[in-house]
PDB file of N, CA and C in Angstrom:
ATOM      1  N   MET A   1      68.645  85.198 195.552  1.00  0.00           N
ATOM      2  CA  MET A   1      69.525  84.175 196.053  1.00  0.00           C
ATOM      3  C   MET A   1      70.734  84.028 195.131  1.00  0.00           C
ATOM      4  N   VAL A   2      70.501  84.099 193.824  1.00  0.00           N
ATOM      5  CA  VAL A   2      71.604  83.967 192.877  1.00  0.00           C
ATOM      6  C   VAL A   2      72.598  85.112 193.043  1.00  0.00           C
ATOM      7  N   LYS A   3      72.095  86.323 193.216  1.00  0.00           N
ATOM      8  CA  LYS A   3      72.982  87.467 193.403  1.00  0.00           C
ATOM      9  C   LYS A   3      73.794  87.317 194.691  1.00  0.00           C
ATOM     10  N   MET A   4      73.139  86.866 195.746  1.00  0.00           N
ATOM     11  CA  MET A   4      73.829  86.667 197.015  1.00  0.00           C
ATOM     12  C   MET A   4      74.918  85.607 196.861  1.00  0.00           C
ATOM     13  N   LEU A   5      74.605  84.504 196.204  1.00  0.00           N
ATOM     14  CA  LEU A   5      75.598  83.453 196.011  1.00  0.00           C
ATOM     15  C   LEU A   5      76.784  83.952 195.179  1.00  0.00           C
ATOM     16  N   ALA A   6      76.485  84.695 194.134  1.00  0.00           N
ATOM     17  CA  ALA A   6      77.554  85.198 193.274  1.00  0.00           C
ATOM     18  C   ALA A   6      78.510  86.103 194.058  1.00  0.00           C
ATOM     19  N   SER A   7      77.961  86.968 194.860  1.00  0.00           N
ATOM     20  CA  SER A   7      78.824  87.890 195.598  1.00  0.00           C
ATOM     21  C   SER A   7      79.556  87.208 196.754  1.00  0.00           C
ATOM     22  N   ARG A   8      78.920  86.285 197.407  1.00  0.00           N
ATOM     23  CA  ARG A   8      79.551  85.656 198.579  1.00  0.00           C
ATOM     24  C   ARG A   8      80.509  84.526 198.231  1.00  0.00           C
ATOM     25  N   THR A   9      80.308  83.891 197.110  1.00  0.00           N
ATOM     26  CA  THR A   9      81.172  82.763 196.768  1.00  0.00           C
ATOM     27  C   THR A   9      82.361  83.164 195.892  1.00  0.00           C
ATOM     28  N   ALA A  10      82.386  84.388 195.417  1.00  0.00           N
ATOM     29  CA  ALA A  10      83.453  84.830 194.507  1.00  0.00           C
ATOM     30  C   ALA A  10      84.841  84.712 195.130  1.00  0.00           C
ATOM     31  N   THR A  11      84.940  84.924 196.419  1.00  0.00           N
ATOM     32  CA  THR A  11      86.257  84.904 197.069  1.00  0.00           C
ATOM     33  C   THR A  11      86.472  83.687 197.965  1.00  0.00           C
ATOM     34  N   LEU A  12      85.516  82.785 197.981  1.00  0.00           N
ATOM     35  CA  LEU A  12      85.649  81.592 198.815  1.00  0.00           C
ATOM     36  C   LEU A  12      86.428  80.494 198.098  1.00  0.00           C
ATOM     37  N   PRO A  13      87.075  79.631 198.857  1.00  0.00           N
ATOM     38  CA  PRO A  13      87.668  78.445 198.241  1.00  0.00           C
ATOM     39  C   PRO A  13      86.560  77.598 197.595  1.00  0.00           C
ATOM     40  N   SER A  14      86.892  76.838 196.596  1.00  0.00           N
ATOM     41  CA  SER A  14      85.901  76.081 195.821  1.00  0.00           C
ATOM     42  C   SER A  14      84.995  75.215 196.696  1.00  0.00           C
ATOM     43  N   LEU A  15      85.564  74.510 197.652  1.00  0.00           N
ATOM     44  CA  LEU A  15      84.756  73.622 198.487  1.00  0.00           C
ATOM     45  C   LEU A  15      83.722  74.402 199.282  1.00  0.00           C
ATOM     46  N   GLN A  16      84.109  75.514 199.866  1.00  0.00           N
ATOM     47  CA  GLN A  16      83.167  76.324 200.639  1.00  0.00           C
ATOM     48  C   GLN A  16      82.104  76.940 199.734  1.00  0.00           C
ATOM     49  N   ALA A  17      82.486  77.369 198.552  1.00  0.00           N
ATOM     50  CA  ALA A  17      81.523  77.926 197.602  1.00  0.00           C
ATOM     51  C   ALA A  17      80.502  76.857 197.215  1.00  0.00           C
ATOM     52  N   PHE A  18      80.971  75.654 196.959  1.00  0.00           N
ATOM     53  CA  PHE A  18      80.079  74.552 196.607  1.00  0.00           C
ATOM     54  C   PHE A  18      79.126  74.245 197.760  1.00  0.00           C
ATOM     55  N   GLN A  19      79.630  74.218 198.975  1.00  0.00           N
ATOM     56  CA  GLN A  19      78.786  73.917 200.134  1.00  0.00           C
ATOM     57  C   GLN A  19      77.710  74.984 200.326  1.00  0.00           C
ATOM     58  N   LEU A  20      78.055  76.233 200.151  1.00  0.00           N
ATOM     59  CA  LEU A  20      77.078  77.311 200.288  1.00  0.00           C
ATOM     60  C   LEU A  20      76.016  77.213 199.193  1.00  0.00           C
ATOM     61  N   THR A  21      76.442  76.876 197.985  1.00  0.00           N
ATOM     62  CA  THR A  21      75.507  76.705 196.875  1.00  0.00           C
ATOM     63  C   THR A  21      74.550  75.545 197.148  1.00  0.00           C
ATOM     64  N   GLU A  22      75.063  74.450 197.666  1.00  0.00           N
ATOM     65  CA  GLU A  22      74.221  73.297 197.996  1.00  0.00           C
ATOM     66  C   GLU A  22      73.219  73.648 199.094  1.00  0.00           C
ATOM     67  N   LEU A  23      73.634  74.416 200.069  1.00  0.00           N
ATOM     68  CA  LEU A  23      72.729  74.849 201.134  1.00  0.00           C
ATOM     69  C   LEU A  23      71.595  75.688 200.563  1.00  0.00           C
ATOM     70  N   ALA A  24      71.932  76.628 199.700  1.00  0.00           N
ATOM     71  CA  ALA A  24      70.902  77.469 199.077  1.00  0.00           C
ATOM     72  C   ALA A  24      69.944  76.622 198.254  1.00  0.00           C
ATOM     73  N   TRP A  25      70.468  75.682 197.484  1.00  0.00           N
ATOM     74  CA  TRP A  25      69.622  74.812 196.659  1.00  0.00           C
ATOM     75  C   TRP A  25      68.664  74.008 197.547  1.00  0.00           C
ATOM     76  N   SER A  26      69.147  73.512 198.680  1.00  0.00           N
ATOM     77  CA  SER A  26      68.277  72.720 199.551  1.00  0.00           C
ATOM     78  C   SER A  26      67.136  73.566 200.123  1.00  0.00           C
ATOM     79  N   LEU A  27      67.371  74.857 200.302  1.00  0.00           N
ATOM     80  CA  LEU A  27      66.318  75.742 200.794  1.00  0.00           C
ATOM     81  C   LEU A  27      65.285  76.061 199.718  1.00  0.00           C
ATOM     82  N   LEU A  28      65.724  76.112 198.464  1.00  0.00           N
ATOM     83  CA  LEU A  28      64.858  76.556 197.382  1.00  0.00           C
ATOM     84  C   LEU A  28      64.154  75.432 196.624  1.00  0.00           C
ATOM     85  N   ARG A  29      64.680  74.236 196.664  1.00  0.00           N
ATOM     86  CA  ARG A  29      64.172  73.192 195.776  1.00  0.00           C
ATOM     87  C   ARG A  29      62.754  72.727 196.084  1.00  0.00           C
ATOM     88  N   ASP A  30      62.302  72.888 197.285  1.00  0.00           N
ATOM     89  CA  ASP A  30      60.986  72.379 197.648  1.00  0.00           C
ATOM     90  C   ASP A  30      59.964  73.468 197.944  1.00  0.00           C
ATOM     91  N   THR A  31      60.155  74.635 197.382  1.00  0.00           N
ATOM     92  CA  THR A  31      59.198  75.712 197.632  1.00  0.00           C
ATOM     93  C   THR A  31      57.920  75.492 196.815  1.00  0.00           C
ATOM     94  N   ALA A  32      56.845  76.057 197.286  1.00  0.00           N
ATOM     95  CA  ALA A  32      55.566  75.959 196.569  1.00  0.00           C
ATOM     96  C   ALA A  32      55.668  76.593 195.191  1.00  0.00           C
ATOM     97  N   ASP A  33      56.407  77.692 195.084  1.00  0.00           N
ATOM     98  CA  ASP A  33      56.575  78.351 193.785  1.00  0.00           C
ATOM     99  C   ASP A  33      57.306  77.450 192.793  1.00  0.00           C
ATOM    100  N   ARG A  34      58.322  76.760 193.247  1.00  0.00           N
ATOM    101  CA  ARG A  34      59.054  75.873 192.343  1.00  0.00           C
ATOM    102  C   ARG A  34      58.169  74.731 191.874  1.00  0.00           C
ATOM    103  N   ARG A  35      57.422  74.152 192.801  1.00  0.00           N
ATOM    104  CA  ARG A  35      56.517  73.050 192.420  1.00  0.00           C
ATOM    105  C   ARG A  35      55.489  73.531 191.406  1.00  0.00           C
ATOM    106  N   ASP A  36      54.903  74.700 191.648  1.00  0.00           N
ATOM    107  CA  ASP A  36      53.905  75.203 190.699  1.00  0.00           C
ATOM    108  C   ASP A  36      54.549  75.533 189.358  1.00  0.00           C
ATOM    109  N   GLY A  37      55.772  76.032 189.378  1.00  0.00           N
ATOM    110  CA  GLY A  37      56.475  76.321 188.134  1.00  0.00           C
ATOM    111  C   GLY A  37      56.664  75.069 187.294  1.00  0.00           C
ATOM    112  N   ARG A  38      57.063  73.987 187.938  1.00  0.00           N
ATOM    113  CA  ARG A  38      57.235  72.711 187.216  1.00  0.00           C
ATOM    114  C   ARG A  38      55.907  72.203 186.690  1.00  0.00           C
ATOM    115  N   HIS A  39      54.870  72.250 187.508  1.00  0.00           N
ATOM    116  CA  HIS A  39      53.555  71.777 187.082  1.00  0.00           C
ATOM    117  C   HIS A  39      52.986  72.650 185.969  1.00  0.00           C
ATOM    118  N   ALA A  40      53.170  73.946 186.096  1.00  0.00           N
ATOM    119  CA  ALA A  40      52.677  74.867 185.065  1.00  0.00           C
ATOM    120  C   ALA A  40      53.358  74.585 183.726  1.00  0.00           C
ATOM    121  N   PHE A  41      54.645  74.334 183.762  1.00  0.00           N
ATOM    122  CA  PHE A  41      55.361  74.021 182.529  1.00  0.00           C
ATOM    123  C   PHE A  41      54.805  72.748 181.896  1.00  0.00           C
ATOM    124  N   ALA A  42      54.598  71.724 182.707  1.00  0.00           N
ATOM    125  CA  ALA A  42      54.078  70.456 182.196  1.00  0.00           C
ATOM    126  C   ALA A  42      52.655  70.612 181.656  1.00  0.00           C
ATOM    127  N   GLU A  43      51.885  71.482 182.296  1.00  0.00           N
ATOM    128  CA  GLU A  43      50.490  71.694 181.891  1.00  0.00           C
ATOM    129  C   GLU A  43      50.341  72.798 180.847  1.00  0.00           C
ATOM    130  N   LYS A  44      51.460  73.387 180.430  1.00  0.00           N
ATOM    131  CA  LYS A  44      51.484  74.464 179.427  1.00  0.00           C
ATOM    132  C   LYS A  44      50.597  75.643 179.827  1.00  0.00           C
ATOM    133  N   ARG A  45      50.793  76.063 181.084  1.00  0.00           N
ATOM    134  CA  ARG A  45      50.077  77.228 181.581  1.00  0.00           C
ATOM    135  C   ARG A  45      51.061  78.134 182.286  1.00  0.00           C
ATOM    136  N   LYS A  46      50.637  79.355 182.574  1.00  0.00           N
ATOM    137  CA  LYS A  46      51.484  80.281 183.306  1.00  0.00           C
ATOM    138  C   LYS A  46      51.466  79.905 184.788  1.00  0.00           C
ATOM    139  N   PRO A  47      52.627  79.965 185.444  1.00  0.00           N
ATOM    140  CA  PRO A  47      52.654  79.659 186.881  1.00  0.00           C
ATOM    141  C   PRO A  47      52.010  80.772 187.690  1.00  0.00           C
ATOM    142  N   VAL A  48      51.523  80.403 188.843  1.00  0.00           N
ATOM    143  CA  VAL A  48      50.972  81.376 189.792  1.00  0.00           C
ATOM    144  C   VAL A  48      51.896  81.368 191.011  1.00  0.00           C
ATOM    145  N   TYR A  49      52.811  82.333 191.030  1.00  0.00           N
ATOM    146  CA  TYR A  49      53.778  82.405 192.130  1.00  0.00           C
ATOM    147  C   TYR A  49      53.181  83.169 193.309  1.00  0.00           C
ATOM    148  N   ILE A  50      53.363  82.608 194.508  1.00  0.00           N
ATOM    149  CA  ILE A  50      52.802  83.213 195.707  1.00  0.00           C
ATOM    150  C   ILE A  50      53.873  83.654 196.704  1.00  0.00           C
ATOM    151  N   GLY A  51      55.127  83.467 196.336  1.00  0.00           N
ATOM    152  CA  GLY A  51      56.226  83.886 197.219  1.00  0.00           C
ATOM    153  C   GLY A  51      56.518  82.907 198.328  1.00  0.00           C
ATOM    154  N   ARG A  52      56.195  81.650 198.117  1.00  0.00           N
ATOM    155  CA  ARG A  52      56.506  80.623 199.128  1.00  0.00           C
ATOM    156  C   ARG A  52      57.231  79.473 198.516  1.00  0.00           C
TER     157      ARG A  52
END
């Protein structure tokens, strides 16, 4: 996702680049992997990523 954002937002006006970045963040912020990553960090364990 980061690579896609970098390539697609490089030539966009700032407002459009920001909007695309916000859209991507809204898709990624509530994934099971992200939640487990946060919990694993708090519990001092390795995360178990499942691709969701």
